[in-house]
């Protein structure tokens, strides 16, 4: 991705696929001069990390799920006249023996003029998640912020000022990994909270809460949906909702005791996320306890938006402080 060409008034469409341990996300946007318009924001759950930590590699069933989703995404990109796509892999691709091979096979599904692939390092994932999450809130601000990103295979915490991260921490514990541990060892909620605390305490510094605390990814979005009665089919309406620590604690206790089939039938919970949601809630609550956070703000953006913004900086010379984001959210879908 070398050779910067300054953005022009000719519309051009870009796509990002965020291939995670649990989710498989597509973002399509159109750049025209200094305006970035969201065209598609599609969510699917491939669960690529399903038992990958035990097997040491991504399983064939998970690969088939991802390839099927990628075929659908490729068609969306073709119909949307996407010129450039970035496919980025996160925690499961870092740890799985066949991670690079699987990412390459997924990339071959996309028949587009320009396809780039990356397996993100933990620091890159943290910093780009911060950028994507902070953009709609702190685009022209230099205020302090913390972004919490709970993924399927890892959890990142990033501190910064405005759009500029300055420090980060990452822990190889995510909602999928934790829930598989719970199932394998039949752990109680108290045992889970203790283990998560031990895992996260070394990477969570004891400091005063920053001015803005932003939580991103499926766990906080779904918890906000449950708390505010927002169905998962309209997940984007959780953007900028507040979650208080006592709310998260109550949701955690409720979800932990709720039978799986009841969680799956809950209008605010995507059926494919229902299984691991209690684990994600446990991680979020422990972080709020360790940092003594009274509340946080939910963001529907995150890593895929950070990847897109960085791509536009590299390829088109876009200045983020001057970029106008148009997001009607009418095209956003959850499947």
C-alpha atoms as a PDB file:
ATOM      1  CA  UNK A   1       0.000   0.000   0.000  1.00  0.00           C
ATOM      2  CA  UNK A   2       2.663   2.446  -1.083  1.00  0.00           C
ATOM      3  CA  UNK A   3       2.273   5.637  -3.049  1.00  0.00           C
ATOM      4  CA  UNK A   4      -0.025   8.288  -1.604  1.00  0.00           C
ATOM      5  CA  UNK A   5      -2.560   9.881  -3.924  1.00  0.00           C
ATOM      6  CA  UNK A   6      -4.440  12.841  -2.505  1.00  0.00           C
ATOM      7  CA  UNK A   7      -8.209  12.414  -2.242  1.00  0.00           C
ATOM      8  CA  UNK A   8     -10.296  13.946  -5.026  1.00  0.00           C
ATOM      9  CA  UNK A   9     -13.909  14.718  -5.795  1.00  0.00           C
ATOM     10  CA  UNK A  10     -14.292  11.422  -7.701  1.00  0.00           C
ATOM     11  CA  UNK A  11     -16.200   8.974  -5.462  1.00  0.00           C
ATOM     12  CA  UNK A  12     -14.298   5.793  -4.613  1.00  0.00           C
ATOM     13  CA  UNK A  13     -15.445   2.869  -2.493  1.00  0.00           C
ATOM     14  CA  UNK A  14     -13.352   0.946   0.003  1.00  0.00           C
ATOM     15  CA  UNK A  15     -14.068  -2.124   2.133  1.00  0.00           C
ATOM     16  CA  UNK A  16     -12.639  -3.588   5.323  1.00  0.00           C
ATOM     17  CA  UNK A  17     -13.198  -7.112   6.610  1.00  0.00           C
ATOM     18  CA  UNK A  18     -12.413  -7.569  10.298  1.00  0.00           C
ATOM     19  CA  UNK A  19     -11.937 -11.326  10.721  1.00  0.00           C
ATOM     20  CA  UNK A  20     -12.003 -11.964  14.442  1.00  0.00           C
ATOM     21  CA  UNK A  21     -12.051 -14.906  16.791  1.00  0.00           C
ATOM     22  CA  UNK A  22     -15.840 -14.712  17.013  1.00  0.00           C
ATOM     23  CA  UNK A  23     -17.200 -12.173  14.515  1.00  0.00           C
ATOM     24  CA  UNK A  24     -16.608 -11.648  10.807  1.00  0.00           C
ATOM     25  CA  UNK A  25     -17.425  -8.034   9.928  1.00  0.00           C
ATOM     26  CA  UNK A  26     -17.691  -6.109   6.661  1.00  0.00           C
ATOM     27  CA  UNK A  27     -17.557  -2.325   6.327  1.00  0.00           C
ATOM     28  CA  UNK A  28     -18.020  -0.576   2.961  1.00  0.00           C
ATOM     29  CA  UNK A  29     -17.638   3.190   2.659  1.00  0.00           C
ATOM     30  CA  UNK A  30     -17.448   5.772  -0.091  1.00  0.00           C
ATOM     31  CA  UNK A  31     -14.867   8.561  -0.057  1.00  0.00           C
ATOM     32  CA  UNK A  32     -15.640  11.718  -2.010  1.00  0.00           C
ATOM     33  CA  UNK A  33     -13.343  14.669  -1.346  1.00  0.00           C
ATOM     34  CA  UNK A  34     -13.489  15.097   2.459  1.00  0.00           C
ATOM     35  CA  UNK A  35     -16.721  13.148   3.017  1.00  0.00           C
ATOM     36  CA  UNK A  36     -16.825   9.497   4.062  1.00  0.00           C
ATOM     37  CA  UNK A  37     -20.239   7.840   3.699  1.00  0.00           C
ATOM     38  CA  UNK A  38     -21.008   4.446   5.206  1.00  0.00           C
ATOM     39  CA  UNK A  39     -22.570   2.169   2.587  1.00  0.00           C
ATOM     40  CA  UNK A  40     -22.713  -1.178   4.392  1.00  0.00           C
ATOM     41  CA  UNK A  41     -21.886  -2.358   7.907  1.00  0.00           C
ATOM     42  CA  UNK A  42     -22.621  -6.070   8.075  1.00  0.00           C
ATOM     43  CA  UNK A  43     -22.121  -8.455  10.988  1.00  0.00           C
ATOM     44  CA  UNK A  44     -21.857 -12.239  10.879  1.00  0.00           C
ATOM     45  CA  UNK A  45     -20.520 -14.674  13.446  1.00  0.00           C
ATOM     46  CA  UNK A  46     -18.085 -17.261  12.041  1.00  0.00           C
ATOM     47  CA  UNK A  47     -16.595 -18.341  15.406  1.00  0.00           C
ATOM     48  CA  UNK A  48     -13.216 -18.975  13.793  1.00  0.00           C
ATOM     49  CA  UNK A  49     -11.704 -19.364  17.232  1.00  0.00           C
ATOM     50  CA  UNK A  50     -13.984 -22.218  18.261  1.00  0.00           C
ATOM     51  CA  UNK A  51     -11.675 -24.515  20.259  1.00  0.00           C
ATOM     52  CA  UNK A  52      -8.680 -23.185  18.311  1.00  0.00           C
ATOM     53  CA  UNK A  53      -6.822 -22.709  21.599  1.00  0.00           C
ATOM     54  CA  UNK A  54      -7.252 -26.425  22.285  1.00  0.00           C
ATOM     55  CA  UNK A  55      -6.628 -27.692  18.756  1.00  0.00           C
ATOM     56  CA  UNK A  56      -3.797 -25.278  18.018  1.00  0.00           C
ATOM     57  CA  UNK A  57      -5.329 -24.433  14.664  1.00  0.00           C
ATOM     58  CA  UNK A  58      -8.532 -23.114  13.114  1.00  0.00           C
ATOM     59  CA  UNK A  59     -10.925 -26.015  12.559  1.00  0.00           C
ATOM     60  CA  UNK A  60     -12.368 -27.005   9.193  1.00  0.00           C
ATOM     61  CA  UNK A  61     -15.973 -26.293  10.200  1.00  0.00           C
ATOM     62  CA  UNK A  62     -15.015 -22.760  11.225  1.00  0.00           C
ATOM     63  CA  UNK A  63     -13.095 -22.267   7.976  1.00  0.00           C
ATOM     64  CA  UNK A  64     -16.123 -23.348   5.954  1.00  0.00           C
ATOM     65  CA  UNK A  65     -18.323 -20.880   7.851  1.00  0.00           C
ATOM     66  CA  UNK A  66     -15.873 -18.071   7.149  1.00  0.00           C
ATOM     67  CA  UNK A  67     -15.557 -18.928   3.456  1.00  0.00           C
ATOM     68  CA  UNK A  68     -19.326 -18.971   3.082  1.00  0.00           C
ATOM     69  CA  UNK A  69     -19.622 -15.549   4.709  1.00  0.00           C
ATOM     70  CA  UNK A  70     -16.713 -14.264   2.615  1.00  0.00           C
ATOM     71  CA  UNK A  71     -18.541 -15.328  -0.572  1.00  0.00           C
ATOM     72  CA  UNK A  72     -21.546 -13.261   0.495  1.00  0.00           C
ATOM     73  CA  UNK A  73     -19.334 -10.307   1.376  1.00  0.00           C
ATOM     74  CA  UNK A  74     -17.546 -10.577  -1.970  1.00  0.00           C
ATOM     75  CA  UNK A  75     -20.858 -10.258  -3.765  1.00  0.00           C
ATOM     76  CA  UNK A  76     -21.779  -7.208  -1.653  1.00  0.00           C
ATOM     77  CA  UNK A  77     -18.445  -5.616  -2.552  1.00  0.00           C
ATOM     78  CA  UNK A  78     -18.925  -6.364  -6.246  1.00  0.00           C
ATOM     79  CA  UNK A  79     -22.419  -4.868  -6.259  1.00  0.00           C
ATOM     80  CA  UNK A  80     -21.138  -1.829  -4.380  1.00  0.00           C
ATOM     81  CA  UNK A  81     -18.284  -1.280  -6.872  1.00  0.00           C
ATOM     82  CA  UNK A  82     -15.574  -1.558  -4.220  1.00  0.00           C
ATOM     83  CA  UNK A  83     -12.122  -0.856  -5.639  1.00  0.00           C
ATOM     84  CA  UNK A  84      -9.951  -1.730  -2.635  1.00  0.00           C
ATOM     85  CA  UNK A  85     -10.458  -4.191   0.219  1.00  0.00           C
ATOM     86  CA  UNK A  86      -8.419  -4.777   3.362  1.00  0.00           C
ATOM     87  CA  UNK A  87      -8.825  -8.143   5.095  1.00  0.00           C
ATOM     88  CA  UNK A  88      -7.443  -8.057   8.643  1.00  0.00           C
ATOM     89  CA  UNK A  89      -7.099 -10.999  11.025  1.00  0.00           C
ATOM     90  CA  UNK A  90      -6.892 -10.639  14.804  1.00  0.00           C
ATOM     91  CA  UNK A  91      -6.160 -12.896  17.788  1.00  0.00           C
ATOM     92  CA  UNK A  92      -7.056 -16.316  16.357  1.00  0.00           C
ATOM     93  CA  UNK A  93      -4.902 -15.698  13.281  1.00  0.00           C
ATOM     94  CA  UNK A  94      -1.980 -14.728  15.500  1.00  0.00           C
ATOM     95  CA  UNK A  95      -2.149 -17.889  17.593  1.00  0.00           C
ATOM     96  CA  UNK A  96      -3.379 -20.600  15.210  1.00  0.00           C
ATOM     97  CA  UNK A  97      -0.760 -22.651  13.364  1.00  0.00           C
ATOM     98  CA  UNK A  98      -2.737 -22.310  10.136  1.00  0.00           C
ATOM     99  CA  UNK A  99      -3.742 -18.675  10.662  1.00  0.00           C
ATOM    100  CA  UNK A 100      -1.815 -17.180   7.725  1.00  0.00           C
ATOM    101  CA  UNK A 101      -2.977 -19.951   5.385  1.00  0.00           C
ATOM    102  CA  UNK A 102      -6.628 -19.516   6.360  1.00  0.00           C
ATOM    103  CA  UNK A 103      -6.456 -15.740   5.893  1.00  0.00           C
ATOM    104  CA  UNK A 104      -4.926 -16.226   2.453  1.00  0.00           C
ATOM    105  CA  UNK A 105      -7.699 -18.660   1.473  1.00  0.00           C
ATOM    106  CA  UNK A 106     -10.341 -16.182   2.604  1.00  0.00           C
ATOM    107  CA  UNK A 107      -8.670 -13.389   0.624  1.00  0.00           C
ATOM    108  CA  UNK A 108      -8.869 -15.440  -2.575  1.00  0.00           C
ATOM    109  CA  UNK A 109     -12.679 -15.360  -2.351  1.00  0.00           C
ATOM    110  CA  UNK A 110     -12.679 -11.606  -3.000  1.00  0.00           C
ATOM    111  CA  UNK A 111     -12.395 -10.973  -6.728  1.00  0.00           C
ATOM    112  CA  UNK A 112     -11.638  -7.249  -6.561  1.00  0.00           C
ATOM    113  CA  UNK A 113      -9.045  -4.974  -8.192  1.00  0.00           C
ATOM    114  CA  UNK A 114      -7.036  -4.502  -4.979  1.00  0.00           C
ATOM    115  CA  UNK A 115      -7.077  -6.896  -2.010  1.00  0.00           C
ATOM    116  CA  UNK A 116      -4.692  -6.420   0.928  1.00  0.00           C
ATOM    117  CA  UNK A 117      -4.288  -8.759   3.921  1.00  0.00           C
ATOM    118  CA  UNK A 118      -2.844  -8.218   7.387  1.00  0.00           C
ATOM    119  CA  UNK A 119      -2.574 -10.208  10.589  1.00  0.00           C
ATOM    120  CA  UNK A 120      -2.619  -7.512  13.239  1.00  0.00           C
ATOM    121  CA  UNK A 121      -0.192  -7.459  16.126  1.00  0.00           C
ATOM    122  CA  UNK A 122      -1.783  -6.827  19.550  1.00  0.00           C
ATOM    123  CA  UNK A 123      -0.465  -3.250  19.612  1.00  0.00           C
ATOM    124  CA  UNK A 124      -1.863  -2.521  16.136  1.00  0.00           C
ATOM    125  CA  UNK A 125      -5.232  -3.991  17.086  1.00  0.00           C
ATOM    126  CA  UNK A 126      -5.388  -1.879  20.243  1.00  0.00           C
ATOM    127  CA  UNK A 127      -4.358   1.371  18.537  1.00  0.00           C
ATOM    128  CA  UNK A 128      -6.673   0.935  15.538  1.00  0.00           C
ATOM    129  CA  UNK A 129      -9.602  -0.016  17.756  1.00  0.00           C
ATOM    130  CA  UNK A 130      -8.933   3.180  19.715  1.00  0.00           C
ATOM    131  CA  UNK A 131      -8.868   5.261  16.521  1.00  0.00           C
ATOM    132  CA  UNK A 132     -12.094   3.787  15.169  1.00  0.00           C
ATOM    133  CA  UNK A 133     -13.931   4.106  18.473  1.00  0.00           C
ATOM    134  CA  UNK A 134     -12.732   7.599  19.338  1.00  0.00           C
ATOM    135  CA  UNK A 135     -13.256   9.123  15.882  1.00  0.00           C
ATOM    136  CA  UNK A 136     -16.967   9.912  16.176  1.00  0.00           C
ATOM    137  CA  UNK A 137     -16.556  11.230  19.733  1.00  0.00           C
ATOM    138  CA  UNK A 138     -13.149  12.936  19.853  1.00  0.00           C
ATOM    139  CA  UNK A 139     -12.392  13.814  16.221  1.00  0.00           C
ATOM    140  CA  UNK A 140     -11.481  17.431  16.980  1.00  0.00           C
ATOM    141  CA  UNK A 141     -10.674  17.032  20.659  1.00  0.00           C
ATOM    142  CA  UNK A 142      -7.516  16.405  22.655  1.00  0.00           C
ATOM    143  CA  UNK A 143      -9.323  15.133  25.751  1.00  0.00           C
ATOM    144  CA  UNK A 144      -8.151  11.985  27.509  1.00  0.00           C
ATOM    145  CA  UNK A 145      -9.876   8.695  26.730  1.00  0.00           C
ATOM    146  CA  UNK A 146      -9.766   4.974  27.376  1.00  0.00           C
ATOM    147  CA  UNK A 147     -11.109   2.457  24.856  1.00  0.00           C
ATOM    148  CA  UNK A 148     -12.041  -1.045  26.051  1.00  0.00           C
ATOM    149  CA  UNK A 149     -12.250  -3.665  23.294  1.00  0.00           C
ATOM    150  CA  UNK A 150     -13.377  -7.148  24.362  1.00  0.00           C
ATOM    151  CA  UNK A 151     -12.884  -9.562  21.497  1.00  0.00           C
ATOM    152  CA  UNK A 152     -13.380 -13.273  21.185  1.00  0.00           C
ATOM    153  CA  UNK A 153      -9.722 -14.155  21.737  1.00  0.00           C
ATOM    154  CA  UNK A 154      -8.196 -11.133  23.462  1.00  0.00           C
ATOM    155  CA  UNK A 155      -9.005  -7.930  25.305  1.00  0.00           C
ATOM    156  CA  UNK A 156      -7.326  -4.611  24.541  1.00  0.00           C
ATOM    157  CA  UNK A 157      -7.283  -1.432  26.619  1.00  0.00           C
ATOM    158  CA  UNK A 158      -5.903   1.712  25.013  1.00  0.00           C
ATOM    159  CA  UNK A 159      -5.366   5.156  26.504  1.00  0.00           C
ATOM    160  CA  UNK A 160      -4.957   8.292  24.460  1.00  0.00           C
ATOM    161  CA  UNK A 161      -5.720  11.951  23.835  1.00  0.00           C
ATOM    162  CA  UNK A 162      -8.165  12.799  21.093  1.00  0.00           C
ATOM    163  CA  UNK A 163      -7.448  10.501  18.147  1.00  0.00           C
ATOM    164  CA  UNK A 164      -3.922   9.712  19.302  1.00  0.00           C
ATOM    165  CA  UNK A 165      -3.304   6.631  21.485  1.00  0.00           C
ATOM    166  CA  UNK A 166      -0.306   6.801  23.787  1.00  0.00           C
ATOM    167  CA  UNK A 167      -0.339   3.528  25.733  1.00  0.00           C
ATOM    168  CA  UNK A 168      -2.051   0.177  25.551  1.00  0.00           C
ATOM    169  CA  UNK A 169      -2.311  -3.235  27.137  1.00  0.00           C
ATOM    170  CA  UNK A 170      -3.517  -6.556  25.785  1.00  0.00           C
ATOM    171  CA  UNK A 171      -4.487  -9.793  27.451  1.00  0.00           C
ATOM    172  CA  UNK A 172      -5.052 -13.132  25.661  1.00  0.00           C
ATOM    173  CA  UNK A 173      -8.450 -13.543  27.259  1.00  0.00           C
ATOM    174  CA  UNK A 174     -11.638 -12.963  25.304  1.00  0.00           C
ATOM    175  CA  UNK A 175     -15.271 -13.985  25.424  1.00  0.00           C
ATOM    176  CA  UNK A 176     -14.845 -17.155  23.337  1.00  0.00           C
ATOM    177  CA  UNK A 177     -11.724 -18.362  25.139  1.00  0.00           C
ATOM    178  CA  UNK A 178     -13.195 -17.665  28.554  1.00  0.00           C
ATOM    179  CA  UNK A 179     -16.517 -19.362  27.825  1.00  0.00           C
ATOM    180  CA  UNK A 180     -14.756 -22.481  26.533  1.00  0.00           C
ATOM    181  CA  UNK A 181     -12.783 -22.575  29.791  1.00  0.00           C
ATOM    182  CA  UNK A 182     -16.014 -22.216  31.775  1.00  0.00           C
ATOM    183  CA  UNK A 183     -17.609 -25.097  29.894  1.00  0.00           C
ATOM    184  CA  UNK A 184     -14.575 -27.366  30.111  1.00  0.00           C
ATOM    185  CA  UNK A 185     -13.986 -26.823  33.826  1.00  0.00           C
ATOM    186  CA  UNK A 186     -17.579 -26.157  34.942  1.00  0.00           C
ATOM    187  CA  UNK A 187     -16.562 -22.949  36.688  1.00  0.00           C
ATOM    188  CA  UNK A 188     -18.905 -20.941  38.892  1.00  0.00           C
ATOM    189  CA  UNK A 189     -19.342 -17.218  38.389  1.00  0.00           C
ATOM    190  CA  UNK A 190     -17.201 -16.448  41.439  1.00  0.00           C
ATOM    191  CA  UNK A 191     -14.418 -18.683  40.105  1.00  0.00           C
ATOM    192  CA  UNK A 192     -14.621 -16.993  36.701  1.00  0.00           C
ATOM    193  CA  UNK A 193     -14.411 -13.502  38.181  1.00  0.00           C
ATOM    194  CA  UNK A 194     -11.409 -14.515  40.254  1.00  0.00           C
ATOM    195  CA  UNK A 195      -9.575 -15.965  37.239  1.00  0.00           C
ATOM    196  CA  UNK A 196     -10.362 -12.967  35.041  1.00  0.00           C
ATOM    197  CA  UNK A 197      -9.151 -10.623  37.779  1.00  0.00           C
ATOM    198  CA  UNK A 198      -5.862 -12.528  38.071  1.00  0.00           C
ATOM    199  CA  UNK A 199      -5.449 -12.427  34.283  1.00  0.00           C
ATOM    200  CA  UNK A 200      -6.259  -8.747  33.851  1.00  0.00           C
ATOM    201  CA  UNK A 201      -4.800  -7.171  36.990  1.00  0.00           C
ATOM    202  CA  UNK A 202      -1.198  -7.075  35.650  1.00  0.00           C
ATOM    203  CA  UNK A 203      -2.261  -5.242  32.469  1.00  0.00           C
ATOM    204  CA  UNK A 204      -4.778  -2.855  34.020  1.00  0.00           C
ATOM    205  CA  UNK A 205      -2.927  -0.025  35.809  1.00  0.00           C
ATOM    206  CA  UNK A 206      -4.458   1.536  38.866  1.00  0.00           C
ATOM    207  CA  UNK A 207      -5.238   5.075  37.738  1.00  0.00           C
ATOM    208  CA  UNK A 208      -7.984   7.645  37.845  1.00  0.00           C
ATOM    209  CA  UNK A 209     -10.699   7.128  35.233  1.00  0.00           C
ATOM    210  CA  UNK A 210     -10.065   9.259  32.123  1.00  0.00           C
ATOM    211  CA  UNK A 211     -12.602  11.800  30.968  1.00  0.00           C
ATOM    212  CA  UNK A 212     -14.043   9.514  28.301  1.00  0.00           C
ATOM    213  CA  UNK A 213     -14.385   5.747  28.786  1.00  0.00           C
ATOM    214  CA  UNK A 214     -15.535   4.018  25.610  1.00  0.00           C
ATOM    215  CA  UNK A 215     -16.431   0.339  25.292  1.00  0.00           C
ATOM    216  CA  UNK A 216     -16.594  -1.265  21.871  1.00  0.00           C
ATOM    217  CA  UNK A 217     -17.439  -4.632  20.245  1.00  0.00           C
ATOM    218  CA  UNK A 218     -20.234  -7.135  20.657  1.00  0.00           C
ATOM    219  CA  UNK A 219     -20.299  -7.451  24.444  1.00  0.00           C
ATOM    220  CA  UNK A 220     -21.030  -3.816  25.414  1.00  0.00           C
ATOM    221  CA  UNK A 221     -23.290  -3.308  22.375  1.00  0.00           C
ATOM    222  CA  UNK A 222     -25.388  -6.345  23.332  1.00  0.00           C
ATOM    223  CA  UNK A 223     -25.455  -5.449  27.028  1.00  0.00           C
ATOM    224  CA  UNK A 224     -26.679  -1.967  26.117  1.00  0.00           C
ATOM    225  CA  UNK A 225     -29.333  -3.560  23.931  1.00  0.00           C
ATOM    226  CA  UNK A 226     -30.549  -5.657  26.845  1.00  0.00           C
ATOM    227  CA  UNK A 227     -30.409  -2.711  29.253  1.00  0.00           C
ATOM    228  CA  UNK A 228     -32.303  -0.316  26.966  1.00  0.00           C
ATOM    229  CA  UNK A 229     -34.637  -2.766  25.234  1.00  0.00           C
ATOM    230  CA  UNK A 230     -33.019  -2.389  21.793  1.00  0.00           C
ATOM    231  CA  UNK A 231     -33.409  -5.456  19.544  1.00  0.00           C
ATOM    232  CA  UNK A 232     -30.234  -6.865  18.037  1.00  0.00           C
ATOM    233  CA  UNK A 233     -31.652  -6.226  14.558  1.00  0.00           C
ATOM    234  CA  UNK A 234     -31.209  -2.498  15.341  1.00  0.00           C
ATOM    235  CA  UNK A 235     -27.915  -2.827  17.202  1.00  0.00           C
ATOM    236  CA  UNK A 236     -26.618   0.533  15.952  1.00  0.00           C
ATOM    237  CA  UNK A 237     -29.128   2.324  18.210  1.00  0.00           C
ATOM    238  CA  UNK A 238     -26.933   1.392  21.194  1.00  0.00           C
ATOM    239  CA  UNK A 239     -24.326   3.940  20.040  1.00  0.00           C
ATOM    240  CA  UNK A 240     -23.396   6.428  22.787  1.00  0.00           C
ATOM    241  CA  UNK A 241     -25.604   4.702  25.377  1.00  0.00           C
ATOM    242  CA  UNK A 242     -24.295   4.728  28.934  1.00  0.00           C
ATOM    243  CA  UNK A 243     -23.681   1.574  30.961  1.00  0.00           C
ATOM    244  CA  UNK A 244     -23.193   2.043  34.693  1.00  0.00           C
ATOM    245  CA  UNK A 245     -21.142  -0.410  36.704  1.00  0.00           C
ATOM    246  CA  UNK A 246     -24.125  -1.564  38.741  1.00  0.00           C
ATOM    247  CA  UNK A 247     -26.033  -2.183  35.486  1.00  0.00           C
ATOM    248  CA  UNK A 248     -23.228  -4.352  34.156  1.00  0.00           C
ATOM    249  CA  UNK A 249     -23.125  -6.292  37.421  1.00  0.00           C
ATOM    250  CA  UNK A 250     -26.871  -6.897  37.369  1.00  0.00           C
ATOM    251  CA  UNK A 251     -26.789  -7.940  33.712  1.00  0.00           C
ATOM    252  CA  UNK A 252     -23.897 -10.306  34.407  1.00  0.00           C
ATOM    253  CA  UNK A 253     -25.718 -12.041  37.270  1.00  0.00           C
ATOM    254  CA  UNK A 254     -28.911 -12.278  35.250  1.00  0.00           C
ATOM    255  CA  UNK A 255     -27.220 -13.635  32.116  1.00  0.00           C
ATOM    256  CA  UNK A 256     -25.145 -16.146  34.059  1.00  0.00           C
ATOM    257  CA  UNK A 257     -28.243 -17.754  35.569  1.00  0.00           C
ATOM    258  CA  UNK A 258     -30.315 -17.511  32.372  1.00  0.00           C
ATOM    259  CA  UNK A 259     -30.629 -20.781  30.400  1.00  0.00           C
ATOM    260  CA  UNK A 260     -28.963 -20.700  27.004  1.00  0.00           C
ATOM    261  CA  UNK A 261     -32.216 -21.144  25.095  1.00  0.00           C
ATOM    262  CA  UNK A 262     -33.717 -18.181  26.934  1.00  0.00           C
ATOM    263  CA  UNK A 263     -30.698 -16.040  26.016  1.00  0.00           C
ATOM    264  CA  UNK A 264     -31.000 -17.161  22.408  1.00  0.00           C
ATOM    265  CA  UNK A 265     -34.627 -16.122  22.268  1.00  0.00           C
ATOM    266  CA  UNK A 266     -34.000 -12.713  23.862  1.00  0.00           C
ATOM    267  CA  UNK A 267     -34.825  -9.958  21.326  1.00  0.00           C
ATOM    268  CA  UNK A 268     -31.713  -7.946  22.236  1.00  0.00           C
ATOM    269  CA  UNK A 269     -29.267 -10.870  21.949  1.00  0.00           C
ATOM    270  CA  UNK A 270     -28.110 -12.271  18.630  1.00  0.00           C
ATOM    271  CA  UNK A 271     -28.702 -16.052  18.881  1.00  0.00           C
ATOM    272  CA  UNK A 272     -25.107 -16.785  17.836  1.00  0.00           C
ATOM    273  CA  UNK A 273     -23.746 -14.487  20.553  1.00  0.00           C
ATOM    274  CA  UNK A 274     -25.978 -15.827  23.329  1.00  0.00           C
ATOM    275  CA  UNK A 275     -23.584 -18.583  24.382  1.00  0.00           C
ATOM    276  CA  UNK A 276     -20.513 -16.425  25.056  1.00  0.00           C
ATOM    277  CA  UNK A 277     -22.228 -13.228  26.249  1.00  0.00           C
ATOM    278  CA  UNK A 278     -21.939 -14.041  30.002  1.00  0.00           C
ATOM    279  CA  UNK A 279     -18.179 -14.440  29.572  1.00  0.00           C
ATOM    280  CA  UNK A 280     -17.869 -11.081  27.839  1.00  0.00           C
ATOM    281  CA  UNK A 281     -19.970  -9.458  30.559  1.00  0.00           C
ATOM    282  CA  UNK A 282     -17.671 -10.936  33.214  1.00  0.00           C
ATOM    283  CA  UNK A 283     -14.605  -9.452  31.533  1.00  0.00           C
ATOM    284  CA  UNK A 284     -16.236  -6.025  31.230  1.00  0.00           C
ATOM    285  CA  UNK A 285     -17.357  -5.969  34.845  1.00  0.00           C
ATOM    286  CA  UNK A 286     -13.901  -6.982  36.121  1.00  0.00           C
ATOM    287  CA  UNK A 287     -12.298  -4.171  34.101  1.00  0.00           C
ATOM    288  CA  UNK A 288     -14.748  -1.649  35.557  1.00  0.00           C
ATOM    289  CA  UNK A 289     -13.987  -2.943  39.043  1.00  0.00           C
ATOM    290  CA  UNK A 290     -10.205  -2.888  38.599  1.00  0.00           C
ATOM    291  CA  UNK A 291     -10.272   0.658  37.197  1.00  0.00           C
ATOM    292  CA  UNK A 292     -13.043   1.832  39.531  1.00  0.00           C
ATOM    293  CA  UNK A 293     -15.128   3.000  36.569  1.00  0.00           C
ATOM    294  CA  UNK A 294     -18.583   4.199  37.528  1.00  0.00           C
ATOM    295  CA  UNK A 295     -19.858   4.241  33.925  1.00  0.00           C
ATOM    296  CA  UNK A 296     -18.805   3.987  30.296  1.00  0.00           C
ATOM    297  CA  UNK A 297     -20.074   4.956  26.855  1.00  0.00           C
ATOM    298  CA  UNK A 298     -20.881   2.303  24.250  1.00  0.00           C
ATOM    299  CA  UNK A 299     -19.574   2.736  20.704  1.00  0.00           C
ATOM    300  CA  UNK A 300     -20.763   0.749  17.683  1.00  0.00           C
ATOM    301  CA  UNK A 301     -17.563   1.579  15.816  1.00  0.00           C
ATOM    302  CA  UNK A 302     -14.168   0.081  16.594  1.00  0.00           C
ATOM    303  CA  UNK A 303     -11.426  -1.834  14.843  1.00  0.00           C
ATOM    304  CA  UNK A 304     -12.936  -2.012  11.344  1.00  0.00           C
ATOM    305  CA  UNK A 305     -13.399   1.786  11.355  1.00  0.00           C
ATOM    306  CA  UNK A 306      -9.834   2.319  12.554  1.00  0.00           C
ATOM    307  CA  UNK A 307      -8.586   0.057   9.769  1.00  0.00           C
ATOM    308  CA  UNK A 308     -10.603   2.024   7.217  1.00  0.00           C
ATOM    309  CA  UNK A 309      -9.366   5.397   8.467  1.00  0.00           C
ATOM    310  CA  UNK A 310      -5.754   4.227   8.397  1.00  0.00           C
ATOM    311  CA  UNK A 311      -6.241   2.803   4.892  1.00  0.00           C
ATOM    312  CA  UNK A 312      -7.572   6.141   3.673  1.00  0.00           C
ATOM    313  CA  UNK A 313      -4.646   7.961   5.261  1.00  0.00           C
ATOM    314  CA  UNK A 314      -2.152   5.659   3.544  1.00  0.00           C
ATOM    315  CA  UNK A 315      -3.766   5.439   0.107  1.00  0.00           C
ATOM    316  CA  UNK A 316      -5.491   8.806  -0.267  1.00  0.00           C
ATOM    317  CA  UNK A 317      -3.649  11.144   2.067  1.00  0.00           C
ATOM    318  CA  UNK A 318      -6.824  11.837   4.040  1.00  0.00           C
ATOM    319  CA  UNK A 319      -6.528  14.211   7.020  1.00  0.00           C
ATOM    320  CA  UNK A 320      -8.769  12.771   9.714  1.00  0.00           C
ATOM    321  CA  UNK A 321      -9.455  16.072  11.452  1.00  0.00           C
ATOM    322  CA  UNK A 322     -11.058  17.375   8.231  1.00  0.00           C
ATOM    323  CA  UNK A 323     -13.013  14.233   7.336  1.00  0.00           C
ATOM    324  CA  UNK A 324     -16.804  14.312   7.605  1.00  0.00           C
ATOM    325  CA  UNK A 325     -18.412  10.962   8.454  1.00  0.00           C
ATOM    326  CA  UNK A 326     -21.939  10.372   7.160  1.00  0.00           C
ATOM    327  CA  UNK A 327     -23.610   7.348   8.708  1.00  0.00           C
ATOM    328  CA  UNK A 328     -27.346   7.097   8.099  1.00  0.00           C
ATOM    329  CA  UNK A 329     -27.295   3.602   9.628  1.00  0.00           C
ATOM    330  CA  UNK A 330     -30.135   2.643   7.293  1.00  0.00           C
ATOM    331  CA  UNK A 331     -27.968   0.022   5.593  1.00  0.00           C
ATOM    332  CA  UNK A 332     -26.515  -1.545   8.717  1.00  0.00           C
ATOM    333  CA  UNK A 333     -27.503  -5.166   9.107  1.00  0.00           C
ATOM    334  CA  UNK A 334     -26.977  -7.935  11.641  1.00  0.00           C
ATOM    335  CA  UNK A 335     -27.286 -11.551  10.628  1.00  0.00           C
END
